[in-house]
Amino acid sequence: MKTITINFIATIILAIVLALVLPWWSVMLAALVTGFLIPLNKTAVFFTPFLAILLFWTCYCFMLSSANDFTLAQRISILIPLGGNPYLLILVSGLLGGLAAGIAAVFAKQLRTVIMA
């Protein structure tokens, strides 16, 4: 249980640092690095980075969108069939980021298995 918490916190911290200088795929890099350095077992490999990036991206998107009263998010959610709901767009963005991070962490576990074998 301790490694899950360490991986969760390390993923969020690394994602925050990398998001300052890299584009959207930095969350995948954060999950890849923490998944390689802090190994997890079974389904925790996918769900720990998934939940970490889901939380990070949802909060980050909410913070960025609230700066302009959700104007841009509302316009984008009209283009995507979300009924003009900016909060639903923020949630979908967080889910997609979490999915990308979870897949990157599973890849990191497989990469660790191949390299360490």
PDB file of N, CA and C in Angstrom:
ATOM      1  N   MET A   1       0.816  -1.199   0.000  1.00  0.00           N
ATOM      2  CA  MET A   1       0.000   0.000   0.000  1.00  0.00           C
ATOM      3  C   MET A   1       0.861   1.266   0.000  1.00  0.00           C
ATOM      4  N   LYS A   2       2.038   1.169   0.600  1.00  0.00           N
ATOM      5  CA  LYS A   2       2.905   2.326   0.671  1.00  0.00           C
ATOM      6  C   LYS A   2       3.443   2.712  -0.708  1.00  0.00           C
ATOM      7  N   THR A   3       3.794   1.739  -1.531  1.00  0.00           N
ATOM      8  CA  THR A   3       4.323   2.061  -2.859  1.00  0.00           C
ATOM      9  C   THR A   3       3.248   2.676  -3.751  1.00  0.00           C
ATOM     10  N   ILE A   4       1.998   2.313  -3.523  1.00  0.00           N
ATOM     11  CA  ILE A   4       0.917   2.912  -4.307  1.00  0.00           C
ATOM     12  C   ILE A   4       0.827   4.404  -4.005  1.00  0.00           C
ATOM     13  N   THR A   5       0.906   4.766  -2.740  1.00  0.00           N
ATOM     14  CA  THR A   5       0.843   6.178  -2.354  1.00  0.00           C
ATOM     15  C   THR A   5       2.050   6.943  -2.869  1.00  0.00           C
ATOM     16  N   ILE A   6       3.221   6.345  -2.760  1.00  0.00           N
ATOM     17  CA  ILE A   6       4.436   7.001  -3.252  1.00  0.00           C
ATOM     18  C   ILE A   6       4.355   7.202  -4.757  1.00  0.00           C
ATOM     19  N   ASN A   7       3.909   6.186  -5.487  1.00  0.00           N
ATOM     20  CA  ASN A   7       3.762   6.298  -6.937  1.00  0.00           C
ATOM     21  C   ASN A   7       2.740   7.363  -7.299  1.00  0.00           C
ATOM     22  N   PHE A   8       1.628   7.406  -6.584  1.00  0.00           N
ATOM     23  CA  PHE A   8       0.569   8.388  -6.838  1.00  0.00           C
ATOM     24  C   PHE A   8       1.101   9.810  -6.673  1.00  0.00           C
ATOM     25  N   ILE A   9       1.769  10.062  -5.559  1.00  0.00           N
ATOM     26  CA  ILE A   9       2.283  11.410  -5.284  1.00  0.00           C
ATOM     27  C   ILE A   9       3.415  11.773  -6.240  1.00  0.00           C
ATOM     28  N   ALA A  10       4.302  10.824  -6.511  1.00  0.00           N
ATOM     29  CA  ALA A  10       5.412  11.091  -7.434  1.00  0.00           C
ATOM     30  C   ALA A  10       4.902  11.366  -8.846  1.00  0.00           C
ATOM     31  N   THR A  11       3.872  10.663  -9.263  1.00  0.00           N
ATOM     32  CA  THR A  11       3.303  10.895 -10.592  1.00  0.00           C
ATOM     33  C   THR A  11       2.721  12.293 -10.689  1.00  0.00           C
ATOM     34  N   ILE A  12       1.987  12.716  -9.673  1.00  0.00           N
ATOM     35  CA  ILE A  12       1.399  14.058  -9.703  1.00  0.00           C
ATOM     36  C   ILE A  12       2.484  15.132  -9.686  1.00  0.00           C
ATOM     37  N   ILE A  13       3.478  14.978  -8.821  1.00  0.00           N
ATOM     38  CA  ILE A  13       4.543  15.988  -8.733  1.00  0.00           C
ATOM     39  C   ILE A  13       5.324  16.075 -10.036  1.00  0.00           C
ATOM     40  N   LEU A  14       5.682  14.933 -10.591  1.00  0.00           N
ATOM     41  CA  LEU A  14       6.423  14.930 -11.858  1.00  0.00           C
ATOM     42  C   LEU A  14       5.572  15.482 -12.998  1.00  0.00           C
ATOM     43  N   ALA A  15       4.295  15.178 -12.998  1.00  0.00           N
ATOM     44  CA  ALA A  15       3.403  15.708 -14.038  1.00  0.00           C
ATOM     45  C   ALA A  15       3.277  17.224 -13.940  1.00  0.00           C
ATOM     46  N   ILE A  16       3.216  17.749 -12.730  1.00  0.00           N
ATOM     47  CA  ILE A  16       3.137  19.205 -12.551  1.00  0.00           C
ATOM     48  C   ILE A  16       4.399  19.876 -13.060  1.00  0.00           C
ATOM     49  N   VAL A  17       5.545  19.308 -12.706  1.00  0.00           N
ATOM     50  CA  VAL A  17       6.820  19.894 -13.134  1.00  0.00           C
ATOM     51  C   VAL A  17       6.966  19.821 -14.654  1.00  0.00           C
ATOM     52  N   LEU A  18       6.644  18.672 -15.223  1.00  0.00           N
ATOM     53  CA  LEU A  18       6.781  18.518 -16.674  1.00  0.00           C
ATOM     54  C   LEU A  18       5.756  19.328 -17.451  1.00  0.00           C
ATOM     55  N   ALA A  19       4.580  19.547 -16.875  1.00  0.00           N
ATOM     56  CA  ALA A  19       3.544  20.328 -17.558  1.00  0.00           C
ATOM     57  C   ALA A  19       3.946  21.798 -17.707  1.00  0.00           C
ATOM     58  N   LEU A  20       4.886  22.241 -16.918  1.00  0.00           N
ATOM     59  CA  LEU A  20       5.346  23.621 -17.028  1.00  0.00           C
ATOM     60  C   LEU A  20       6.186  23.854 -18.288  1.00  0.00           C
ATOM     61  N   VAL A  21       6.852  22.797 -18.771  1.00  0.00           N
ATOM     62  CA  VAL A  21       7.772  22.980 -19.891  1.00  0.00           C
ATOM     63  C   VAL A  21       7.462  22.129 -21.121  1.00  0.00           C
ATOM     64  N   LEU A  22       6.608  21.111 -20.970  1.00  0.00           N
ATOM     65  CA  LEU A  22       6.316  20.219 -22.083  1.00  0.00           C
ATOM     66  C   LEU A  22       4.830  20.253 -22.429  1.00  0.00           C
ATOM     67  N   PRO A  23       4.456  19.789 -23.613  1.00  0.00           N
ATOM     68  CA  PRO A  23       3.037  19.773 -23.996  1.00  0.00           C
ATOM     69  C   PRO A  23       2.253  18.680 -23.277  1.00  0.00           C
ATOM     70  N   TRP A  24       1.076  18.389 -23.792  1.00  0.00           N
ATOM     71  CA  TRP A  24       0.113  17.503 -23.122  1.00  0.00           C
ATOM     72  C   TRP A  24       0.660  16.116 -22.850  1.00  0.00           C
ATOM     73  N   TRP A  25       1.565  15.621 -23.653  1.00  0.00           N
ATOM     74  CA  TRP A  25       2.058  14.263 -23.483  1.00  0.00           C
ATOM     75  C   TRP A  25       3.025  14.120 -22.320  1.00  0.00           C
ATOM     76  N   SER A  26       3.283  15.203 -21.621  1.00  0.00           N
ATOM     77  CA  SER A  26       4.171  15.126 -20.458  1.00  0.00           C
ATOM     78  C   SER A  26       3.592  14.252 -19.352  1.00  0.00           C
ATOM     79  N   VAL A  27       2.263  14.124 -19.289  1.00  0.00           N
ATOM     80  CA  VAL A  27       1.660  13.247 -18.272  1.00  0.00           C
ATOM     81  C   VAL A  27       1.996  11.787 -18.560  1.00  0.00           C
ATOM     82  N   MET A  28       2.113  11.446 -19.836  1.00  0.00           N
ATOM     83  CA  MET A  28       2.505  10.088 -20.191  1.00  0.00           C
ATOM     84  C   MET A  28       3.957   9.838 -19.801  1.00  0.00           C
ATOM     85  N   LEU A  29       4.795  10.820 -19.973  1.00  0.00           N
ATOM     86  CA  LEU A  29       6.194  10.702 -19.581  1.00  0.00           C
ATOM     87  C   LEU A  29       6.321  10.571 -18.065  1.00  0.00           C
ATOM     88  N   ALA A  30       5.515  11.325 -17.329  1.00  0.00           N
ATOM     89  CA  ALA A  30       5.532  11.239 -15.865  1.00  0.00           C
ATOM     90  C   ALA A  30       5.102   9.846 -15.409  1.00  0.00           C
ATOM     91  N   ALA A  31       4.052   9.307 -16.006  1.00  0.00           N
ATOM     92  CA  ALA A  31       3.586   7.964 -15.641  1.00  0.00           C
ATOM     93  C   ALA A  31       4.602   6.902 -16.053  1.00  0.00           C
ATOM     94  N   LEU A  32       5.258   7.100 -17.173  1.00  0.00           N
ATOM     95  CA  LEU A  32       6.268   6.156 -17.639  1.00  0.00           C
ATOM     96  C   LEU A  32       7.450   6.115 -16.670  1.00  0.00           C
ATOM     97  N   VAL A  33       7.928   7.262 -16.268  1.00  0.00           N
ATOM     98  CA  VAL A  33       9.091   7.328 -15.374  1.00  0.00           C
ATOM     99  C   VAL A  33       8.750   6.753 -14.002  1.00  0.00           C
ATOM    100  N   THR A  34       7.629   7.180 -13.434  1.00  0.00           N
ATOM    101  CA  THR A  34       7.279   6.671 -12.109  1.00  0.00           C
ATOM    102  C   THR A  34       6.888   5.197 -12.156  1.00  0.00           C
ATOM    103  N   GLY A  35       6.285   4.763 -13.237  1.00  0.00           N
ATOM    104  CA  GLY A  35       5.956   3.348 -13.373  1.00  0.00           C
ATOM    105  C   GLY A  35       7.192   2.479 -13.503  1.00  0.00           C
ATOM    106  N   PHE A  36       8.242   3.030 -14.083  1.00  0.00           N
ATOM    107  CA  PHE A  36       9.493   2.288 -14.232  1.00  0.00           C
ATOM    108  C   PHE A  36      10.282   2.273 -12.921  1.00  0.00           C
ATOM    109  N   LEU A  37      10.337   3.414 -12.241  1.00  0.00           N
ATOM    110  CA  LEU A  37      11.152   3.532 -11.035  1.00  0.00           C
ATOM    111  C   LEU A  37      10.467   3.005  -9.770  1.00  0.00           C
ATOM    112  N   ILE A  38       9.144   3.120  -9.718  1.00  0.00           N
ATOM    113  CA  ILE A  38       8.395   2.658  -8.546  1.00  0.00           C
ATOM    114  C   ILE A  38       7.419   1.585  -9.017  1.00  0.00           C
ATOM    115  N   PRO A  39       7.855   0.342  -9.073  1.00  0.00           N
ATOM    116  CA  PRO A  39       7.007  -0.713  -9.644  1.00  0.00           C
ATOM    117  C   PRO A  39       5.797  -1.028  -8.765  1.00  0.00           C
ATOM    118  N   LEU A  40       4.693  -1.307  -9.420  1.00  0.00           N
ATOM    119  CA  LEU A  40       3.450  -1.692  -8.758  1.00  0.00           C
ATOM    120  C   LEU A  40       3.008  -3.051  -9.265  1.00  0.00           C
ATOM    121  N   ASN A  41       2.066  -3.656  -8.571  1.00  0.00           N
ATOM    122  CA  ASN A  41       1.579  -4.982  -8.947  1.00  0.00           C
ATOM    123  C   ASN A  41       0.145  -4.930  -9.442  1.00  0.00           C
ATOM    124  N   LYS A  42      -0.172  -5.879 -10.285  1.00  0.00           N
ATOM    125  CA  LYS A  42      -1.532  -6.157 -10.759  1.00  0.00           C
ATOM    126  C   LYS A  42      -2.216  -4.931 -11.340  1.00  0.00           C
ATOM    127  N   THR A  43      -3.436  -4.662 -10.903  1.00  0.00           N
ATOM    128  CA  THR A  43      -4.201  -3.564 -11.502  1.00  0.00           C
ATOM    129  C   THR A  43      -3.754  -2.192 -11.016  1.00  0.00           C
ATOM    130  N   ALA A  44      -2.985  -2.147  -9.943  1.00  0.00           N
ATOM    131  CA  ALA A  44      -2.482  -0.863  -9.451  1.00  0.00           C
ATOM    132  C   ALA A  44      -1.544  -0.208 -10.461  1.00  0.00           C
ATOM    133  N   VAL A  45      -0.940  -1.010 -11.323  1.00  0.00           N
ATOM    134  CA  VAL A  45      -0.046  -0.480 -12.357  1.00  0.00           C
ATOM    135  C   VAL A  45      -0.804   0.497 -13.253  1.00  0.00           C
ATOM    136  N   PHE A  46      -2.024   0.167 -13.599  1.00  0.00           N
ATOM    137  CA  PHE A  46      -2.820   1.031 -14.463  1.00  0.00           C
ATOM    138  C   PHE A  46      -3.568   2.096 -13.668  1.00  0.00           C
ATOM    139  N   PHE A  47      -4.224   1.695 -12.581  1.00  0.00           N
ATOM    140  CA  PHE A  47      -5.169   2.594 -11.922  1.00  0.00           C
ATOM    141  C   PHE A  47      -4.513   3.678 -11.067  1.00  0.00           C
ATOM    142  N   THR A  48      -3.334   3.446 -10.541  1.00  0.00           N
ATOM    143  CA  THR A  48      -2.684   4.487  -9.736  1.00  0.00           C
ATOM    144  C   THR A  48      -2.296   5.699 -10.583  1.00  0.00           C
ATOM    145  N   PRO A  49      -1.577   5.547 -11.704  1.00  0.00           N
ATOM    146  CA  PRO A  49      -1.301   6.719 -12.540  1.00  0.00           C
ATOM    147  C   PRO A  49      -2.564   7.272 -13.200  1.00  0.00           C
ATOM    148  N   PHE A  50      -3.508   6.383 -13.510  1.00  0.00           N
ATOM    149  CA  PHE A  50      -4.776   6.830 -14.093  1.00  0.00           C
ATOM    150  C   PHE A  50      -5.467   7.820 -13.159  1.00  0.00           C
ATOM    151  N   LEU A  51      -5.598   7.446 -11.898  1.00  0.00           N
ATOM    152  CA  LEU A  51      -6.273   8.322 -10.939  1.00  0.00           C
ATOM    153  C   LEU A  51      -5.455   9.569 -10.623  1.00  0.00           C
ATOM    154  N   ALA A  52      -4.130   9.432 -10.595  1.00  0.00           N
ATOM    155  CA  ALA A  52      -3.273  10.593 -10.325  1.00  0.00           C
ATOM    156  C   ALA A  52      -3.410  11.641 -11.418  1.00  0.00           C
ATOM    157  N   ILE A  53      -3.344  11.214 -12.656  1.00  0.00           N
ATOM    158  CA  ILE A  53      -3.433  12.172 -13.764  1.00  0.00           C
ATOM    159  C   ILE A  53      -4.868  12.643 -13.963  1.00  0.00           C
ATOM    160  N   LEU A  54      -5.834  11.789 -13.693  1.00  0.00           N
ATOM    161  CA  LEU A  54      -7.232  12.223 -13.731  1.00  0.00           C
ATOM    162  C   LEU A  54      -7.438  13.379 -12.757  1.00  0.00           C
ATOM    163  N   LEU A  55      -6.943  13.243 -11.557  1.00  0.00           N
ATOM    164  CA  LEU A  55      -7.060  14.299 -10.554  1.00  0.00           C
ATOM    165  C   LEU A  55      -6.287  15.545 -10.980  1.00  0.00           C
ATOM    166  N   PHE A  56      -5.049  15.344 -11.426  1.00  0.00           N
ATOM    167  CA  PHE A  56      -4.219  16.488 -11.822  1.00  0.00           C
ATOM    168  C   PHE A  56      -4.821  17.245 -13.002  1.00  0.00           C
ATOM    169  N   TRP A  57      -5.173  16.530 -14.068  1.00  0.00           N
ATOM    170  CA  TRP A  57      -5.669  17.201 -15.261  1.00  0.00           C
ATOM    171  C   TRP A  57      -7.034  17.836 -15.041  1.00  0.00           C
ATOM    172  N   THR A  58      -7.873  17.206 -14.257  1.00  0.00           N
ATOM    173  CA  THR A  58      -9.175  17.791 -13.981  1.00  0.00           C
ATOM    174  C   THR A  58      -9.014  19.091 -13.204  1.00  0.00           C
ATOM    175  N   CYS A  59      -8.177  19.080 -12.194  1.00  0.00           N
ATOM    176  CA  CYS A  59      -7.935  20.304 -11.417  1.00  0.00           C
ATOM    177  C   CYS A  59      -7.242  21.373 -12.267  1.00  0.00           C
ATOM    178  N   TYR A  60      -6.281  20.946 -13.069  1.00  0.00           N
ATOM    179  CA  TYR A  60      -5.542  21.890 -13.915  1.00  0.00           C
ATOM    180  C   TYR A  60      -6.455  22.516 -14.978  1.00  0.00           C
ATOM    181  N   CYS A  61      -7.289  21.700 -15.605  1.00  0.00           N
ATOM    182  CA  CYS A  61      -8.229  22.221 -16.601  1.00  0.00           C
ATOM    183  C   CYS A  61      -9.252  23.151 -15.961  1.00  0.00           C
ATOM    184  N   PHE A  62      -9.716  22.789 -14.771  1.00  0.00           N
ATOM    185  CA  PHE A  62     -10.668  23.646 -14.075  1.00  0.00           C
ATOM    186  C   PHE A  62     -10.029  24.987 -13.735  1.00  0.00           C
ATOM    187  N   MET A  63      -8.781  24.951 -13.266  1.00  0.00           N
ATOM    188  CA  MET A  63      -8.082  26.183 -12.919  1.00  0.00           C
ATOM    189  C   MET A  63      -7.873  27.073 -14.149  1.00  0.00           C
ATOM    190  N   LEU A  64      -7.452  26.475 -15.265  1.00  0.00           N
ATOM    191  CA  LEU A  64      -7.232  27.258 -16.475  1.00  0.00           C
ATOM    192  C   LEU A  64      -8.539  27.797 -17.046  1.00  0.00           C
ATOM    193  N   SER A  65      -9.588  26.995 -16.976  1.00  0.00           N
ATOM    194  CA  SER A  65     -10.871  27.423 -17.532  1.00  0.00           C
ATOM    195  C   SER A  65     -11.563  28.464 -16.667  1.00  0.00           C
ATOM    196  N   SER A  66     -11.373  28.389 -15.373  1.00  0.00           N
ATOM    197  CA  SER A  66     -12.025  29.366 -14.507  1.00  0.00           C
ATOM    198  C   SER A  66     -11.416  30.756 -14.653  1.00  0.00           C
ATOM    199  N   ALA A  67     -10.212  30.826 -15.197  1.00  0.00           N
ATOM    200  CA  ALA A  67      -9.571  32.126 -15.394  1.00  0.00           C
ATOM    201  C   ALA A  67     -10.310  32.976 -16.426  1.00  0.00           C
ATOM    202  N   ASN A  68     -11.012  32.330 -17.353  1.00  0.00           N
ATOM    203  CA  ASN A  68     -11.764  33.083 -18.360  1.00  0.00           C
ATOM    204  C   ASN A  68     -13.263  32.763 -18.312  1.00  0.00           C
ATOM    205  N   ASP A  69     -13.747  32.408 -17.119  1.00  0.00           N
ATOM    206  CA  ASP A  69     -15.167  32.109 -16.899  1.00  0.00           C
ATOM    207  C   ASP A  69     -15.684  30.993 -17.798  1.00  0.00           C
ATOM    208  N   PHE A  70     -14.847  30.034 -18.109  1.00  0.00           N
ATOM    209  CA  PHE A  70     -15.197  28.833 -18.871  1.00  0.00           C
ATOM    210  C   PHE A  70     -15.680  29.142 -20.292  1.00  0.00           C
ATOM    211  N   THR A  71     -15.287  30.291 -20.816  1.00  0.00           N
ATOM    212  CA  THR A  71     -15.731  30.684 -22.157  1.00  0.00           C
ATOM    213  C   THR A  71     -15.196  29.744 -23.227  1.00  0.00           C
ATOM    214  N   LEU A  72     -13.899  29.512 -23.215  1.00  0.00           N
ATOM    215  CA  LEU A  72     -13.296  28.641 -24.226  1.00  0.00           C
ATOM    216  C   LEU A  72     -13.773  27.198 -24.076  1.00  0.00           C
ATOM    217  N   ALA A  73     -13.847  26.723 -22.841  1.00  0.00           N
ATOM    218  CA  ALA A  73     -14.316  25.351 -22.607  1.00  0.00           C
ATOM    219  C   ALA A  73     -15.752  25.169 -23.075  1.00  0.00           C
ATOM    220  N   GLN A  74     -16.562  26.179 -22.887  1.00  0.00           N
ATOM    221  CA  GLN A  74     -17.953  26.091 -23.336  1.00  0.00           C
ATOM    222  C   GLN A  74     -18.034  26.058 -24.858  1.00  0.00           C
ATOM    223  N   ARG A  75     -17.212  26.846 -25.511  1.00  0.00           N
ATOM    224  CA  ARG A  75     -17.225  26.848 -26.984  1.00  0.00           C
ATOM    225  C   ARG A  75     -16.701  25.532 -27.554  1.00  0.00           C
ATOM    226  N   ILE A  76     -15.681  24.978 -26.927  1.00  0.00           N
ATOM    227  CA  ILE A  76     -15.154  23.697 -27.398  1.00  0.00           C
ATOM    228  C   ILE A  76     -16.163  22.586 -27.142  1.00  0.00           C
ATOM    229  N   SER A  77     -16.856  22.638 -26.009  1.00  0.00           N
ATOM    230  CA  SER A  77     -17.840  21.592 -25.712  1.00  0.00           C
ATOM    231  C   SER A  77     -19.059  21.683 -26.619  1.00  0.00           C
ATOM    232  N   ILE A  78     -19.245  22.800 -27.282  1.00  0.00           N
ATOM    233  CA  ILE A  78     -20.297  22.881 -28.305  1.00  0.00           C
ATOM    234  C   ILE A  78     -19.837  22.161 -29.563  1.00  0.00           C
ATOM    235  N   LEU A  79     -18.557  22.289 -29.909  1.00  0.00           N
ATOM    236  CA  LEU A  79     -18.026  21.610 -31.093  1.00  0.00           C
ATOM    237  C   LEU A  79     -18.048  20.091 -30.924  1.00  0.00           C
ATOM    238  N   ILE A  80     -17.684  19.635 -29.734  1.00  0.00           N
ATOM    239  CA  ILE A  80     -17.771  18.215 -29.411  1.00  0.00           C
ATOM    240  C   ILE A  80     -19.183  17.993 -28.887  1.00  0.00           C
ATOM    241  N   PRO A  81     -19.823  16.908 -29.189  1.00  0.00           N
ATOM    242  CA  PRO A  81     -21.224  16.748 -28.762  1.00  0.00           C
ATOM    243  C   PRO A  81     -21.367  16.540 -27.247  1.00  0.00           C
ATOM    244  N   LEU A  82     -21.093  17.610 -26.484  1.00  0.00           N
ATOM    245  CA  LEU A  82     -21.234  17.558 -25.037  1.00  0.00           C
ATOM    246  C   LEU A  82     -22.314  18.515 -24.545  1.00  0.00           C
ATOM    247  N   GLY A  83     -23.075  19.063 -25.451  1.00  0.00           N
ATOM    248  CA  GLY A  83     -24.188  19.921 -25.088  1.00  0.00           C
ATOM    249  C   GLY A  83     -23.779  21.273 -24.534  1.00  0.00           C
ATOM    250  N   GLY A  84     -22.582  21.720 -24.800  1.00  0.00           N
ATOM    251  CA  GLY A  84     -22.135  23.023 -24.321  1.00  0.00           C
ATOM    252  C   GLY A  84     -21.793  23.047 -22.841  1.00  0.00           C
ATOM    253  N   ASN A  85     -21.592  21.892 -22.237  1.00  0.00           N
ATOM    254  CA  ASN A  85     -21.284  21.807 -20.813  1.00  0.00           C
ATOM    255  C   ASN A  85     -19.769  21.818 -20.611  1.00  0.00           C
ATOM    256  N   PRO A  86     -19.201  22.925 -20.103  1.00  0.00           N
ATOM    257  CA  PRO A  86     -17.741  22.982 -19.939  1.00  0.00           C
ATOM    258  C   PRO A  86     -17.231  22.024 -18.859  1.00  0.00           C
ATOM    259  N   TYR A  87     -18.044  21.731 -17.852  1.00  0.00           N
ATOM    260  CA  TYR A  87     -17.612  20.821 -16.790  1.00  0.00           C
ATOM    261  C   TYR A  87     -17.487  19.388 -17.299  1.00  0.00           C
ATOM    262  N   LEU A  88     -18.356  19.012 -18.210  1.00  0.00           N
ATOM    263  CA  LEU A  88     -18.273  17.692 -18.818  1.00  0.00           C
ATOM    264  C   LEU A  88     -17.025  17.592 -19.691  1.00  0.00           C
ATOM    265  N   LEU A  89     -16.671  18.676 -20.364  1.00  0.00           N
ATOM    266  CA  LEU A  89     -15.443  18.704 -21.165  1.00  0.00           C
ATOM    267  C   LEU A  89     -14.222  18.548 -20.267  1.00  0.00           C
ATOM    268  N   ILE A  90     -14.227  19.187 -19.117  1.00  0.00           N
ATOM    269  CA  ILE A  90     -13.122  19.063 -18.174  1.00  0.00           C
ATOM    270  C   ILE A  90     -13.000  17.625 -17.690  1.00  0.00           C
ATOM    271  N   LEU A  91     -14.122  16.989 -17.403  1.00  0.00           N
ATOM    272  CA  LEU A  91     -14.107  15.595 -16.957  1.00  0.00           C
ATOM    273  C   LEU A  91     -13.612  14.657 -18.056  1.00  0.00           C
ATOM    274  N   VAL A  92     -14.070  14.881 -19.281  1.00  0.00           N
ATOM    275  CA  VAL A  92     -13.626  14.044 -20.409  1.00  0.00           C
ATOM    276  C   VAL A  92     -12.128  14.232 -20.646  1.00  0.00           C
ATOM    277  N   SER A  93     -11.649  15.456 -20.517  1.00  0.00           N
ATOM    278  CA  SER A  93     -10.215  15.713 -20.668  1.00  0.00           C
ATOM    279  C   SER A  93      -9.412  14.977 -19.604  1.00  0.00           C
ATOM    280  N   GLY A  94      -9.898  15.007 -18.382  1.00  0.00           N
ATOM    281  CA  GLY A  94      -9.224  14.291 -17.306  1.00  0.00           C
ATOM    282  C   GLY A  94      -9.219  12.789 -17.531  1.00  0.00           C
ATOM    283  N   LEU A  95     -10.327  12.248 -18.017  1.00  0.00           N
ATOM    284  CA  LEU A  95     -10.396  10.813 -18.307  1.00  0.00           C
ATOM    285  C   LEU A  95      -9.427  10.412 -19.414  1.00  0.00           C
ATOM    286  N   LEU A  96      -9.337  11.236 -20.453  1.00  0.00           N
ATOM    287  CA  LEU A  96      -8.406  10.925 -21.550  1.00  0.00           C
ATOM    288  C   LEU A  96      -6.956  11.009 -21.082  1.00  0.00           C
ATOM    289  N   GLY A  97      -6.642  11.995 -20.277  1.00  0.00           N
ATOM    290  CA  GLY A  97      -5.291  12.097 -19.723  1.00  0.00           C
ATOM    291  C   GLY A  97      -4.964  10.922 -18.814  1.00  0.00           C
ATOM    292  N   GLY A  98      -5.925  10.528 -17.999  1.00  0.00           N
ATOM    293  CA  GLY A  98      -5.724   9.381 -17.124  1.00  0.00           C
ATOM    294  C   GLY A  98      -5.540   8.098 -17.897  1.00  0.00           C
ATOM    295  N   LEU A  99      -6.302   7.929 -18.953  1.00  0.00           N
ATOM    296  CA  LEU A  99      -6.174   6.737 -19.801  1.00  0.00           C
ATOM    297  C   LEU A  99      -4.791   6.686 -20.450  1.00  0.00           C
ATOM    298  N   ALA A 100      -4.330   7.822 -20.952  1.00  0.00           N
ATOM    299  CA  ALA A 100      -2.993   7.876 -21.559  1.00  0.00           C
ATOM    300  C   ALA A 100      -1.915   7.557 -20.528  1.00  0.00           C
ATOM    301  N   ALA A 101      -2.060   8.078 -19.320  1.00  0.00           N
ATOM    302  CA  ALA A 101      -1.073   7.819 -18.269  1.00  0.00           C
ATOM    303  C   ALA A 101      -1.104   6.360 -17.819  1.00  0.00           C
ATOM    304  N   GLY A 102      -2.278   5.785 -17.720  1.00  0.00           N
ATOM    305  CA  GLY A 102      -2.386   4.381 -17.326  1.00  0.00           C
ATOM    306  C   GLY A 102      -1.736   3.453 -18.333  1.00  0.00           C
ATOM    307  N   ILE A 103      -1.957   3.726 -19.596  1.00  0.00           N
ATOM    308  CA  ILE A 103      -1.346   2.915 -20.649  1.00  0.00           C
ATOM    309  C   ILE A 103       0.175   3.084 -20.641  1.00  0.00           C
ATOM    310  N   ALA A 104       0.645   4.311 -20.412  1.00  0.00           N
ATOM    311  CA  ALA A 104       2.093   4.544 -20.342  1.00  0.00           C
ATOM    312  C   ALA A 104       2.710   3.803 -19.158  1.00  0.00           C
ATOM    313  N   ALA A 105       1.995   3.728 -18.043  1.00  0.00           N
ATOM    314  CA  ALA A 105       2.521   3.021 -16.871  1.00  0.00           C
ATOM    315  C   ALA A 105       2.567   1.512 -17.105  1.00  0.00           C
ATOM    316  N   VAL A 106       1.570   0.979 -17.805  1.00  0.00           N
ATOM    317  CA  VAL A 106       1.604  -0.447 -18.144  1.00  0.00           C
ATOM    318  C   VAL A 106       2.778  -0.730 -19.073  1.00  0.00           C
ATOM    319  N   PHE A 107       3.019   0.172 -20.005  1.00  0.00           N
ATOM    320  CA  PHE A 107       4.186   0.024 -20.882  1.00  0.00           C
ATOM    321  C   PHE A 107       5.479   0.069 -20.078  1.00  0.00           C
ATOM    322  N   ALA A 108       5.537   0.947 -19.066  1.00  0.00           N
ATOM    323  CA  ALA A 108       6.729   1.043 -18.223  1.00  0.00           C
ATOM    324  C   ALA A 108       6.970  -0.255 -17.463  1.00  0.00           C
ATOM    325  N   LYS A 109       5.908  -0.884 -16.990  1.00  0.00           N
ATOM    326  CA  LYS A 109       6.057  -2.164 -16.284  1.00  0.00           C
ATOM    327  C   LYS A 109       6.585  -3.235 -17.233  1.00  0.00           C
ATOM    328  N   GLN A 110       6.055  -3.270 -18.450  1.00  0.00           N
ATOM    329  CA  GLN A 110       6.537  -4.235 -19.431  1.00  0.00           C
ATOM    330  C   GLN A 110       8.000  -3.963 -19.804  1.00  0.00           C
ATOM    331  N   LEU A 111       8.337  -2.684 -19.942  1.00  0.00           N
ATOM    332  CA  LEU A 111       9.704  -2.299 -20.255  1.00  0.00           C
ATOM    333  C   LEU A 111      10.658  -2.682 -19.123  1.00  0.00           C
ATOM    334  N   ARG A 112      10.218  -2.483 -17.899  1.00  0.00           N
ATOM    335  CA  ARG A 112      11.025  -2.890 -16.741  1.00  0.00           C
ATOM    336  C   ARG A 112      11.223  -4.401 -16.710  1.00  0.00           C
ATOM    337  N   THR A 113      10.180  -5.151 -17.048  1.00  0.00           N
ATOM    338  CA  THR A 113      10.273  -6.611 -17.067  1.00  0.00           C
ATOM    339  C   THR A 113      11.300  -7.070 -18.115  1.00  0.00           C
ATOM    340  N   VAL A 114      11.292  -6.446 -19.272  1.00  0.00           N
ATOM    341  CA  VAL A 114      12.209  -6.821 -20.342  1.00  0.00           C
ATOM    342  C   VAL A 114      13.645  -6.427 -19.992  1.00  0.00           C
ATOM    343  N   ILE A 115      13.832  -5.234 -19.461  1.00  0.00           N
ATOM    344  CA  ILE A 115      15.187  -4.753 -19.171  1.00  0.00           C
ATOM    345  C   ILE A 115      15.787  -5.470 -17.966  1.00  0.00           C
ATOM    346  N   MET A 116      15.008  -5.692 -16.929  1.00  0.00           N
ATOM    347  CA  MET A 116      15.525  -6.299 -15.700  1.00  0.00           C
ATOM    348  C   MET A 116      15.623  -7.828 -15.773  1.00  0.00           C
ATOM    349  N   ALA A 117      15.088  -8.416 -16.809  1.00  0.00           N
ATOM    350  CA  ALA A 117      15.121  -9.892 -16.909  1.00  0.00           C
ATOM    351  C   ALA A 117      16.451 -10.408 -17.373  1.00  0.00           C
TER     352      ALA A 117
END
